[in-house]
């Protein structure tokens, strides 16, 4: 339980405290425990750092959505195959 809470906290703090490649690693690890966290961090990143005119769409939100979908599939597979046995 403490590992899950610390990875989630590290991912959320990483959005404002660490460089983006390290934040992506933290979010990916934390999203394996809580898949919607990837989407949440993507939206948070866009709220904080989005520059109108830089991209025609919110890039971090779309990447967060892709990370959410991948994490959901992996989380479902691990929960069904490994934890269910």
N, C-alpha and C. Protein backbone atom coordinates (compact mmCIF):
# COMPACT_ATOMS: atom_id res chain seq x y z
N UNK A 1 0.82 -1.19 0.00
CA UNK A 1 0.00 0.00 0.00
C UNK A 1 0.87 1.26 0.00
N UNK A 2 1.94 1.23 0.76
CA UNK A 2 2.83 2.39 0.82
C UNK A 2 3.55 2.60 -0.51
N UNK A 3 3.89 1.52 -1.19
CA UNK A 3 4.56 1.64 -2.49
C UNK A 3 3.62 2.28 -3.50
N UNK A 4 2.36 1.87 -3.50
CA UNK A 4 1.40 2.47 -4.42
C UNK A 4 1.21 3.95 -4.15
N UNK A 5 1.05 4.29 -2.89
CA UNK A 5 0.85 5.70 -2.54
C UNK A 5 2.07 6.54 -2.88
N UNK A 6 3.26 6.00 -2.64
CA UNK A 6 4.46 6.79 -2.93
C UNK A 6 4.69 6.95 -4.43
N UNK A 7 4.38 5.94 -5.24
CA UNK A 7 4.54 6.09 -6.69
C UNK A 7 3.53 7.07 -7.26
N UNK A 8 2.32 7.05 -6.74
CA UNK A 8 1.30 8.00 -7.20
C UNK A 8 1.70 9.43 -6.82
N UNK A 9 2.15 9.61 -5.59
CA UNK A 9 2.59 10.93 -5.15
C UNK A 9 3.80 11.41 -5.96
N UNK A 10 4.73 10.52 -6.22
CA UNK A 10 5.91 10.87 -7.00
C UNK A 10 5.54 11.27 -8.43
N UNK A 11 4.56 10.59 -9.00
CA UNK A 11 4.12 10.95 -10.35
C UNK A 11 3.45 12.31 -10.38
N UNK A 12 2.62 12.60 -9.39
CA UNK A 12 1.93 13.89 -9.37
C UNK A 12 2.89 15.04 -9.07
N UNK A 13 3.82 14.81 -8.17
CA UNK A 13 4.82 15.84 -7.87
C UNK A 13 5.79 16.00 -9.04
N UNK A 14 6.03 14.90 -9.76
CA UNK A 14 6.94 14.94 -10.90
C UNK A 14 6.51 15.87 -12.01
N UNK A 15 5.22 16.11 -12.12
CA UNK A 15 4.72 17.02 -13.16
C UNK A 15 5.29 18.42 -12.98
N UNK A 16 5.48 18.84 -11.75
CA UNK A 16 5.98 20.19 -11.51
C UNK A 16 7.42 20.24 -11.03
N UNK A 17 7.99 19.10 -10.61
CA UNK A 17 9.30 19.14 -9.97
C UNK A 17 10.43 18.53 -10.80
N UNK A 18 10.12 17.63 -11.71
CA UNK A 18 11.16 16.93 -12.45
C UNK A 18 11.07 17.22 -13.94
N UNK A 19 12.14 16.95 -14.69
CA UNK A 19 12.08 17.10 -16.15
C UNK A 19 11.08 16.10 -16.74
N UNK A 20 10.56 16.43 -17.91
CA UNK A 20 9.47 15.62 -18.46
C UNK A 20 9.85 14.16 -18.74
N UNK A 21 11.08 13.81 -19.17
CA UNK A 21 11.35 12.38 -19.38
C UNK A 21 11.27 11.57 -18.08
N UNK A 22 11.74 12.13 -17.00
CA UNK A 22 11.67 11.44 -15.72
C UNK A 22 10.23 11.37 -15.23
N UNK A 23 9.46 12.39 -15.49
CA UNK A 23 8.05 12.38 -15.13
C UNK A 23 7.29 11.31 -15.90
N UNK A 24 7.62 11.13 -17.16
CA UNK A 24 6.96 10.09 -17.96
C UNK A 24 7.24 8.71 -17.37
N UNK A 25 8.46 8.48 -16.93
CA UNK A 25 8.80 7.19 -16.30
C UNK A 25 8.01 7.01 -15.02
N UNK A 26 7.94 8.03 -14.19
CA UNK A 26 7.18 7.94 -12.94
C UNK A 26 5.70 7.71 -13.18
N UNK A 27 5.15 8.40 -14.16
CA UNK A 27 3.73 8.24 -14.47
C UNK A 27 3.46 6.86 -15.02
N UNK A 28 4.36 6.34 -15.84
CA UNK A 28 4.15 5.00 -16.40
C UNK A 28 4.16 3.94 -15.29
N UNK A 29 5.07 4.07 -14.36
CA UNK A 29 5.14 3.11 -13.25
C UNK A 29 3.91 3.23 -12.37
N UNK A 30 3.50 4.45 -12.06
CA UNK A 30 2.33 4.64 -11.20
C UNK A 30 1.04 4.24 -11.91
N UNK A 31 0.98 4.39 -13.22
CA UNK A 31 -0.22 4.03 -13.96
C UNK A 31 -0.44 2.53 -13.99
N UNK A 32 0.58 1.75 -13.73
CA UNK A 32 0.38 0.31 -13.64
C UNK A 32 -0.45 -0.05 -12.40
N UNK A 33 -0.37 0.78 -11.36
CA UNK A 33 -1.19 0.58 -10.17
C UNK A 33 -2.56 1.23 -10.30
N UNK A 34 -2.59 2.42 -10.88
CA UNK A 34 -3.82 3.20 -11.03
C UNK A 34 -3.86 3.78 -12.45
N UNK A 35 -4.47 3.07 -13.40
CA UNK A 35 -4.43 3.49 -14.82
C UNK A 35 -4.94 4.90 -15.11
N UNK A 36 -6.00 5.41 -14.49
CA UNK A 36 -6.44 6.77 -14.83
C UNK A 36 -5.44 7.86 -14.46
N UNK A 37 -4.41 7.51 -13.70
CA UNK A 37 -3.41 8.50 -13.32
C UNK A 37 -2.67 9.05 -14.53
N UNK A 38 -2.48 8.25 -15.56
CA UNK A 38 -1.80 8.72 -16.77
C UNK A 38 -2.59 9.84 -17.43
N UNK A 39 -3.89 9.65 -17.53
CA UNK A 39 -4.74 10.69 -18.11
C UNK A 39 -4.78 11.93 -17.22
N UNK A 40 -4.86 11.72 -15.92
CA UNK A 40 -4.87 12.83 -14.99
C UNK A 40 -3.59 13.66 -15.08
N UNK A 41 -2.46 13.00 -15.14
CA UNK A 41 -1.19 13.73 -15.23
C UNK A 41 -1.05 14.43 -16.58
N UNK A 42 -1.57 13.84 -17.64
CA UNK A 42 -1.56 14.50 -18.94
C UNK A 42 -2.39 15.77 -18.95
N UNK A 43 -3.57 15.71 -18.35
CA UNK A 43 -4.43 16.89 -18.26
C UNK A 43 -3.78 17.94 -17.35
N UNK A 44 -3.22 17.51 -16.24
CA UNK A 44 -2.53 18.45 -15.33
C UNK A 44 -1.36 19.12 -16.03
N UNK A 45 -0.60 18.36 -16.81
CA UNK A 45 0.53 18.92 -17.54
C UNK A 45 0.06 19.98 -18.55
N UNK A 46 -1.04 19.67 -19.24
CA UNK A 46 -1.56 20.65 -20.20
C UNK A 46 -2.13 21.89 -19.50
N UNK A 47 -2.75 21.70 -18.36
CA UNK A 47 -3.28 22.87 -17.63
C UNK A 47 -2.14 23.79 -17.21
N UNK A 48 -1.05 23.20 -16.78
CA UNK A 48 0.06 24.00 -16.28
C UNK A 48 0.94 24.59 -17.39
N UNK A 49 1.18 23.83 -18.45
CA UNK A 49 2.21 24.21 -19.42
C UNK A 49 1.72 24.40 -20.86
N UNK A 50 0.43 24.32 -21.13
CA UNK A 50 -0.05 24.45 -22.50
C UNK A 50 0.11 25.89 -23.00
N UNK A 51 0.68 26.02 -24.19
CA UNK A 51 0.86 27.32 -24.82
C UNK A 51 -0.04 27.36 -26.05
N UNK A 52 -1.05 28.23 -26.06
CA UNK A 52 -1.92 28.30 -27.24
C UNK A 52 -1.12 28.64 -28.49
N UNK A 53 -1.37 27.92 -29.53
CA UNK A 53 -0.67 28.15 -30.78
C UNK A 53 0.54 27.27 -30.98
N UNK A 54 1.03 26.63 -29.94
CA UNK A 54 2.18 25.76 -30.08
C UNK A 54 1.78 24.46 -30.77
N UNK A 55 0.64 23.91 -30.39
CA UNK A 55 0.09 22.71 -31.01
C UNK A 55 -1.39 22.96 -31.27
N UNK A 56 -1.92 22.35 -32.30
CA UNK A 56 -3.36 22.54 -32.57
C UNK A 56 -4.25 21.74 -31.62
N UNK A 57 -3.66 20.92 -30.78
CA UNK A 57 -4.42 20.08 -29.84
C UNK A 57 -3.58 19.90 -28.58
N UNK A 58 -4.19 19.57 -27.47
CA UNK A 58 -3.43 19.37 -26.22
C UNK A 58 -2.66 18.04 -26.28
N UNK A 59 -1.39 18.12 -26.55
CA UNK A 59 -0.55 16.94 -26.78
C UNK A 59 -0.42 16.06 -25.55
N UNK A 60 -0.20 16.64 -24.38
CA UNK A 60 -0.01 15.84 -23.16
C UNK A 60 -1.28 15.08 -22.79
N UNK A 61 -2.43 15.67 -23.04
CA UNK A 61 -3.69 14.99 -22.75
C UNK A 61 -3.87 13.78 -23.65
N UNK A 62 -3.53 13.92 -24.92
CA UNK A 62 -3.64 12.78 -25.83
C UNK A 62 -2.62 11.69 -25.50
N UNK A 63 -1.43 12.09 -25.11
CA UNK A 63 -0.44 11.09 -24.68
C UNK A 63 -0.87 10.43 -23.38
N UNK A 64 -1.48 11.19 -22.49
CA UNK A 64 -2.02 10.63 -21.26
C UNK A 64 -3.15 9.65 -21.53
N UNK A 65 -3.97 9.94 -22.52
CA UNK A 65 -5.04 9.02 -22.91
C UNK A 65 -4.46 7.73 -23.47
N UNK A 66 -3.43 7.84 -24.29
CA UNK A 66 -2.78 6.65 -24.82
C UNK A 66 -2.13 5.83 -23.69
N UNK A 67 -1.49 6.53 -22.76
CA UNK A 67 -0.90 5.84 -21.62
C UNK A 67 -1.95 5.18 -20.75
N UNK A 68 -3.10 5.83 -20.61
CA UNK A 68 -4.21 5.25 -19.84
C UNK A 68 -4.69 3.96 -20.49
N UNK A 69 -4.87 3.98 -21.80
CA UNK A 69 -5.34 2.78 -22.50
C UNK A 69 -4.35 1.63 -22.39
N UNK A 70 -3.08 1.92 -22.55
CA UNK A 70 -2.05 0.88 -22.43
C UNK A 70 -2.00 0.36 -20.99
N UNK A 71 -2.02 1.25 -20.02
CA UNK A 71 -1.97 0.84 -18.61
C UNK A 71 -3.21 0.04 -18.22
N UNK A 72 -4.35 0.38 -18.78
CA UNK A 72 -5.57 -0.36 -18.48
C UNK A 72 -5.50 -1.79 -19.00
N UNK A 73 -4.96 -1.95 -20.19
CA UNK A 73 -4.80 -3.31 -20.76
C UNK A 73 -3.80 -4.11 -19.93
N UNK A 74 -2.68 -3.51 -19.60
CA UNK A 74 -1.66 -4.20 -18.82
C UNK A 74 -2.18 -4.52 -17.42
N UNK A 75 -2.85 -3.56 -16.80
CA UNK A 75 -3.39 -3.78 -15.46
C UNK A 75 -4.44 -4.90 -15.46
N UNK A 76 -5.29 -4.90 -16.46
CA UNK A 76 -6.30 -5.96 -16.56
C UNK A 76 -5.66 -7.32 -16.80
N UNK A 77 -4.63 -7.36 -17.63
CA UNK A 77 -3.96 -8.63 -17.90
C UNK A 77 -3.27 -9.15 -16.65
N UNK A 78 -2.57 -8.30 -15.94
CA UNK A 78 -1.85 -8.73 -14.74
C UNK A 78 -2.85 -9.16 -13.65
N UNK A 79 -3.91 -8.40 -13.50
CA UNK A 79 -4.90 -8.73 -12.47
C UNK A 79 -5.61 -10.05 -12.79
N UNK A 80 -5.89 -10.31 -14.04
CA UNK A 80 -6.57 -11.53 -14.42
C UNK A 80 -5.65 -12.72 -14.41
N UNK A 81 -4.47 -12.59 -14.97
CA UNK A 81 -3.59 -13.74 -15.13
C UNK A 81 -2.77 -14.07 -13.89
N UNK A 82 -2.19 -13.06 -13.26
CA UNK A 82 -1.27 -13.32 -12.18
C UNK A 82 -1.96 -13.27 -10.82
N UNK A 83 -2.73 -12.20 -10.59
CA UNK A 83 -3.34 -12.06 -9.27
C UNK A 83 -4.55 -12.98 -9.10
N UNK A 84 -5.18 -13.35 -10.21
CA UNK A 84 -6.36 -14.21 -10.12
C UNK A 84 -6.02 -15.67 -9.94
N UNK A 85 -4.79 -16.07 -10.22
CA UNK A 85 -4.42 -17.48 -10.13
C UNK A 85 -4.12 -17.91 -8.72
